[in-house]
């Protein structure tokens, strides 16, 4: 393989590996919102049952 081809393959592999991590940002944000809503619901029930 030539140097340019190796470099191109390496870049392609790195981009392919980074794609799930980049797209997971939205998933983590959504999970954080869900956890926050769950915590709020628990807090409401705790306050209601004092």
PDB file of N, CA and C in Angstrom:
ATOM      1  N   UNK A   1       0.837  -1.179   0.000  1.00  0.00           N
ATOM      2  CA  UNK A   1       0.000   0.000   0.000  1.00  0.00           C
ATOM      3  C   UNK A   1       0.885   1.247   0.000  1.00  0.00           C
ATOM      4  N   UNK A   2       0.388   2.254  -0.634  1.00  0.00           N
ATOM      5  CA  UNK A   2       1.126   3.506  -0.633  1.00  0.00           C
ATOM      6  C   UNK A   2       0.804   4.278   0.642  1.00  0.00           C
ATOM      7  N   UNK A   3       1.627   5.266   0.952  1.00  0.00           N
ATOM      8  CA  UNK A   3       1.411   6.063   2.161  1.00  0.00           C
ATOM      9  C   UNK A   3       0.071   6.782   2.136  1.00  0.00           C
ATOM     10  N   UNK A   4      -0.294   7.343   0.988  1.00  0.00           N
ATOM     11  CA  UNK A   4      -1.562   8.076   0.888  1.00  0.00           C
ATOM     12  C   UNK A   4      -2.758   7.152   1.090  1.00  0.00           C
ATOM     13  N   UNK A   5      -2.669   5.947   0.550  1.00  0.00           N
ATOM     14  CA  UNK A   5      -3.771   5.002   0.706  1.00  0.00           C
ATOM     15  C   UNK A   5      -3.901   4.569   2.162  1.00  0.00           C
ATOM     16  N   UNK A   6      -2.776   4.306   2.813  1.00  0.00           N
ATOM     17  CA  UNK A   6      -2.801   3.936   4.228  1.00  0.00           C
ATOM     18  C   UNK A   6      -3.391   5.058   5.067  1.00  0.00           C
ATOM     19  N   UNK A   7      -3.003   6.277   4.748  1.00  0.00           N
ATOM     20  CA  UNK A   7      -3.517   7.428   5.482  1.00  0.00           C
ATOM     21  C   UNK A   7      -5.024   7.557   5.284  1.00  0.00           C
ATOM     22  N   UNK A   8      -5.497   7.362   4.062  1.00  0.00           N
ATOM     23  CA  UNK A   8      -6.925   7.430   3.762  1.00  0.00           C
ATOM     24  C   UNK A   8      -7.710   6.354   4.487  1.00  0.00           C
ATOM     25  N   UNK A   9      -7.160   5.152   4.514  1.00  0.00           N
ATOM     26  CA  UNK A   9      -7.825   4.046   5.208  1.00  0.00           C
ATOM     27  C   UNK A   9      -7.886   4.344   6.704  1.00  0.00           C
ATOM     28  N   UNK A  10      -6.782   4.862   7.258  1.00  0.00           N
ATOM     29  CA  UNK A  10      -6.752   5.193   8.679  1.00  0.00           C
ATOM     30  C   UNK A  10      -7.795   6.257   9.018  1.00  0.00           C
ATOM     31  N   UNK A  11      -7.902   7.282   8.208  1.00  0.00           N
ATOM     32  CA  UNK A  11      -8.893   8.337   8.433  1.00  0.00           C
ATOM     33  C   UNK A  11     -10.304   7.770   8.353  1.00  0.00           C
ATOM     34  N   UNK A  12     -10.560   6.904   7.384  1.00  0.00           N
ATOM     35  CA  UNK A  12     -11.886   6.303   7.235  1.00  0.00           C
ATOM     36  C   UNK A  12     -12.246   5.463   8.456  1.00  0.00           C
ATOM     37  N   UNK A  13     -11.286   4.702   8.953  1.00  0.00           N
ATOM     38  CA  UNK A  13     -11.528   3.863  10.130  1.00  0.00           C
ATOM     39  C   UNK A  13     -11.791   4.733  11.360  1.00  0.00           C
ATOM     40  N   UNK A  14     -11.018   5.796  11.522  1.00  0.00           N
ATOM     41  CA  UNK A  14     -11.215   6.682  12.670  1.00  0.00           C
ATOM     42  C   UNK A  14     -12.578   7.373  12.612  1.00  0.00           C
ATOM     43  N   UNK A  15     -12.981   7.811  11.440  1.00  0.00           N
ATOM     44  CA  UNK A  15     -14.297   8.440  11.298  1.00  0.00           C
ATOM     45  C   UNK A  15     -15.420   7.447  11.578  1.00  0.00           C
ATOM     46  N   UNK A  16     -15.254   6.229  11.099  1.00  0.00           N
ATOM     47  CA  UNK A  16     -16.274   5.208  11.346  1.00  0.00           C
ATOM     48  C   UNK A  16     -16.367   4.881  12.833  1.00  0.00           C
ATOM     49  N   UNK A  17     -15.236   4.885  13.520  1.00  0.00           N
ATOM     50  CA  UNK A  17     -15.236   4.601  14.953  1.00  0.00           C
ATOM     51  C   UNK A  17     -15.818   5.766  15.745  1.00  0.00           C
ATOM     52  N   UNK A  18     -15.640   6.979  15.259  1.00  0.00           N
ATOM     53  CA  UNK A  18     -16.120   8.159  15.981  1.00  0.00           C
ATOM     54  C   UNK A  18     -17.615   8.409  15.764  1.00  0.00           C
ATOM     55  N   UNK A  19     -18.184   7.894  14.710  1.00  0.00           N
ATOM     56  CA  UNK A  19     -19.586   8.162  14.391  1.00  0.00           C
ATOM     57  C   UNK A  19     -20.547   7.765  15.515  1.00  0.00           C
ATOM     58  N   UNK A  20     -20.434   6.581  16.096  1.00  0.00           N
ATOM     59  CA  UNK A  20     -21.361   6.243  17.192  1.00  0.00           C
ATOM     60  C   UNK A  20     -21.191   7.150  18.408  1.00  0.00           C
ATOM     61  N   UNK A  21     -19.976   7.528  18.701  1.00  0.00           N
ATOM     62  CA  UNK A  21     -19.743   8.402  19.855  1.00  0.00           C
ATOM     63  C   UNK A  21     -20.364   9.775  19.624  1.00  0.00           C
ATOM     64  N   UNK A  22     -20.264  10.267  18.418  1.00  0.00           N
ATOM     65  CA  UNK A  22     -20.831  11.580  18.098  1.00  0.00           C
ATOM     66  C   UNK A  22     -22.356  11.528  18.138  1.00  0.00           C
ATOM     67  N   UNK A  23     -22.933  10.482  17.599  1.00  0.00           N
ATOM     68  CA  UNK A  23     -24.395  10.385  17.572  1.00  0.00           C
ATOM     69  C   UNK A  23     -24.960  10.058  18.946  1.00  0.00           C
ATOM     70  N   UNK A  24     -24.152   9.541  19.845  1.00  0.00           N
ATOM     71  CA  UNK A  24     -24.623   9.193  21.186  1.00  0.00           C
ATOM     72  C   UNK A  24     -24.890  10.431  22.031  1.00  0.00           C
ATOM     73  N   UNK A  25     -24.378  11.585  21.633  1.00  0.00           N
ATOM     74  CA  UNK A  25     -24.604  12.807  22.414  1.00  0.00           C
ATOM     75  C   UNK A  25     -26.090  13.067  22.592  1.00  0.00           C
ATOM     76  N   UNK A  26     -26.869  12.910  21.545  1.00  0.00           N
ATOM     77  CA  UNK A  26     -28.315  13.116  21.643  1.00  0.00           C
ATOM     78  C   UNK A  26     -28.948  12.083  22.563  1.00  0.00           C
ATOM     79  N   UNK A  27     -28.444  10.869  22.523  1.00  0.00           N
ATOM     80  CA  UNK A  27     -28.977   9.813  23.368  1.00  0.00           C
ATOM     81  C   UNK A  27     -28.721  10.133  24.836  1.00  0.00           C
ATOM     82  N   UNK A  28     -27.509  10.594  25.148  1.00  0.00           N
ATOM     83  CA  UNK A  28     -27.189  10.931  26.532  1.00  0.00           C
ATOM     84  C   UNK A  28     -28.025  12.102  27.021  1.00  0.00           C
ATOM     85  N   UNK A  29     -28.260  13.068  26.172  1.00  0.00           N
ATOM     86  CA  UNK A  29     -29.083  14.217  26.563  1.00  0.00           C
ATOM     87  C   UNK A  29     -30.503  13.747  26.869  1.00  0.00           C
ATOM     88  N   UNK A  30     -31.029  12.886  26.049  1.00  0.00           N
ATOM     89  CA  UNK A  30     -32.373  12.346  26.271  1.00  0.00           C
ATOM     90  C   UNK A  30     -32.444  11.526  27.540  1.00  0.00           C
ATOM     91  N   UNK A  31     -31.407  10.739  27.801  1.00  0.00           N
ATOM     92  CA  UNK A  31     -31.382   9.932  29.023  1.00  0.00           C
ATOM     93  C   UNK A  31     -31.333  10.836  30.247  1.00  0.00           C
ATOM     94  N   UNK A  32     -30.575  11.903  30.155  1.00  0.00           N
ATOM     95  CA  UNK A  32     -30.500  12.845  31.274  1.00  0.00           C
ATOM     96  C   UNK A  32     -31.844  13.474  31.576  1.00  0.00           C
ATOM     97  N   UNK A  33     -32.580  13.820  30.541  1.00  0.00           N
ATOM     98  CA  UNK A  33     -33.911  14.397  30.729  1.00  0.00           C
ATOM     99  C   UNK A  33     -34.861  13.381  31.364  1.00  0.00           C
ATOM    100  N   UNK A  34     -34.774  12.127  30.921  1.00  0.00           N
ATOM    101  CA  UNK A  34     -35.624  11.084  31.487  1.00  0.00           C
ATOM    102  C   UNK A  34     -35.317  10.871  32.963  1.00  0.00           C
ATOM    103  N   UNK A  35     -34.045  10.856  33.312  1.00  0.00           N
ATOM    104  CA  UNK A  35     -33.646  10.664  34.707  1.00  0.00           C
ATOM    105  C   UNK A  35     -34.126  11.842  35.552  1.00  0.00           C
ATOM    106  N   UNK A  36     -34.008  13.030  34.991  1.00  0.00           N
ATOM    107  CA  UNK A  36     -34.451  14.226  35.715  1.00  0.00           C
ATOM    108  C   UNK A  36     -35.957  14.165  35.970  1.00  0.00           C
ATOM    109  N   UNK A  37     -36.724  13.759  34.980  1.00  0.00           N
ATOM    110  CA  UNK A  37     -38.182  13.634  35.165  1.00  0.00           C
ATOM    111  C   UNK A  37     -38.514  12.574  36.208  1.00  0.00           C
ATOM    112  N   UNK A  38     -37.767  11.476  36.185  1.00  0.00           N
ATOM    113  CA  UNK A  38     -37.987  10.425  37.180  1.00  0.00           C
ATOM    114  C   UNK A  38     -37.705  10.922  38.585  1.00  0.00           C
ATOM    115  N   UNK A  39     -36.640  11.686  38.734  1.00  0.00           N
ATOM    116  CA  UNK A  39     -36.313  12.256  40.042  1.00  0.00           C
ATOM    117  C   UNK A  39     -37.375  13.224  40.514  1.00  0.00           C
ATOM    118  N   UNK A  40     -37.904  14.011  39.610  1.00  0.00           N
ATOM    119  CA  UNK A  40     -38.963  14.960  39.959  1.00  0.00           C
ATOM    120  C   UNK A  40     -40.219  14.219  40.412  1.00  0.00           C
ATOM    121  N   UNK A  41     -40.537  13.117  39.746  1.00  0.00           N
ATOM    122  CA  UNK A  41     -41.717  12.334  40.124  1.00  0.00           C
ATOM    123  C   UNK A  41     -41.535  11.721  41.507  1.00  0.00           C
ATOM    124  N   UNK A  42     -40.350  11.228  41.797  1.00  0.00           N
ATOM    125  CA  UNK A  42     -40.071  10.666  43.123  1.00  0.00           C
ATOM    126  C   UNK A  42     -40.179  11.750  44.185  1.00  0.00           C
ATOM    127  N   UNK A  43     -39.654  12.923  43.885  1.00  0.00           N
ATOM    128  CA  UNK A  43     -39.713  14.031  44.832  1.00  0.00           C
ATOM    129  C   UNK A  43     -41.161  14.455  45.102  1.00  0.00           C
ATOM    130  N   UNK A  44     -41.971  14.505  44.064  1.00  0.00           N
ATOM    131  CA  UNK A  44     -43.393  14.854  44.246  1.00  0.00           C
ATOM    132  C   UNK A  44     -44.100  13.853  45.152  1.00  0.00           C
ATOM    133  N   UNK A  45     -43.857  12.567  44.905  1.00  0.00           N
ATOM    134  CA  UNK A  45     -44.491  11.537  45.727  1.00  0.00           C
ATOM    135  C   UNK A  45     -44.008  11.603  47.167  1.00  0.00           C
ATOM    136  N   UNK A  46     -42.723  11.878  47.359  1.00  0.00           N
ATOM    137  CA  UNK A  46     -42.185  11.978  48.711  1.00  0.00           C
ATOM    138  C   UNK A  46     -42.828  13.152  49.445  1.00  0.00           C
ATOM    139  N   UNK A  47     -42.970  14.276  48.773  1.00  0.00           N
ATOM    140  CA  UNK A  47     -43.592  15.439  49.387  1.00  0.00           C
ATOM    141  C   UNK A  47     -45.071  15.197  49.681  1.00  0.00           C
ATOM    142  N   UNK A  48     -45.712  14.462  48.806  1.00  0.00           N
ATOM    143  CA  UNK A  48     -47.148  14.200  48.982  1.00  0.00           C
ATOM    144  C   UNK A  48     -47.397  13.239  50.145  1.00  0.00           C
ATOM    145  N   UNK A  49     -46.446  12.361  50.431  1.00  0.00           N
ATOM    146  CA  UNK A  49     -46.624  11.341  51.473  1.00  0.00           C
ATOM    147  C   UNK A  49     -45.947  11.701  52.780  1.00  0.00           C
ATOM    148  N   UNK A  50     -45.724  12.967  53.034  1.00  0.00           N
ATOM    149  CA  UNK A  50     -45.110  13.395  54.307  1.00  0.00           C
ATOM    150  C   UNK A  50     -46.083  13.249  55.434  1.00  0.00           C
TER     151      UNK A  50
END
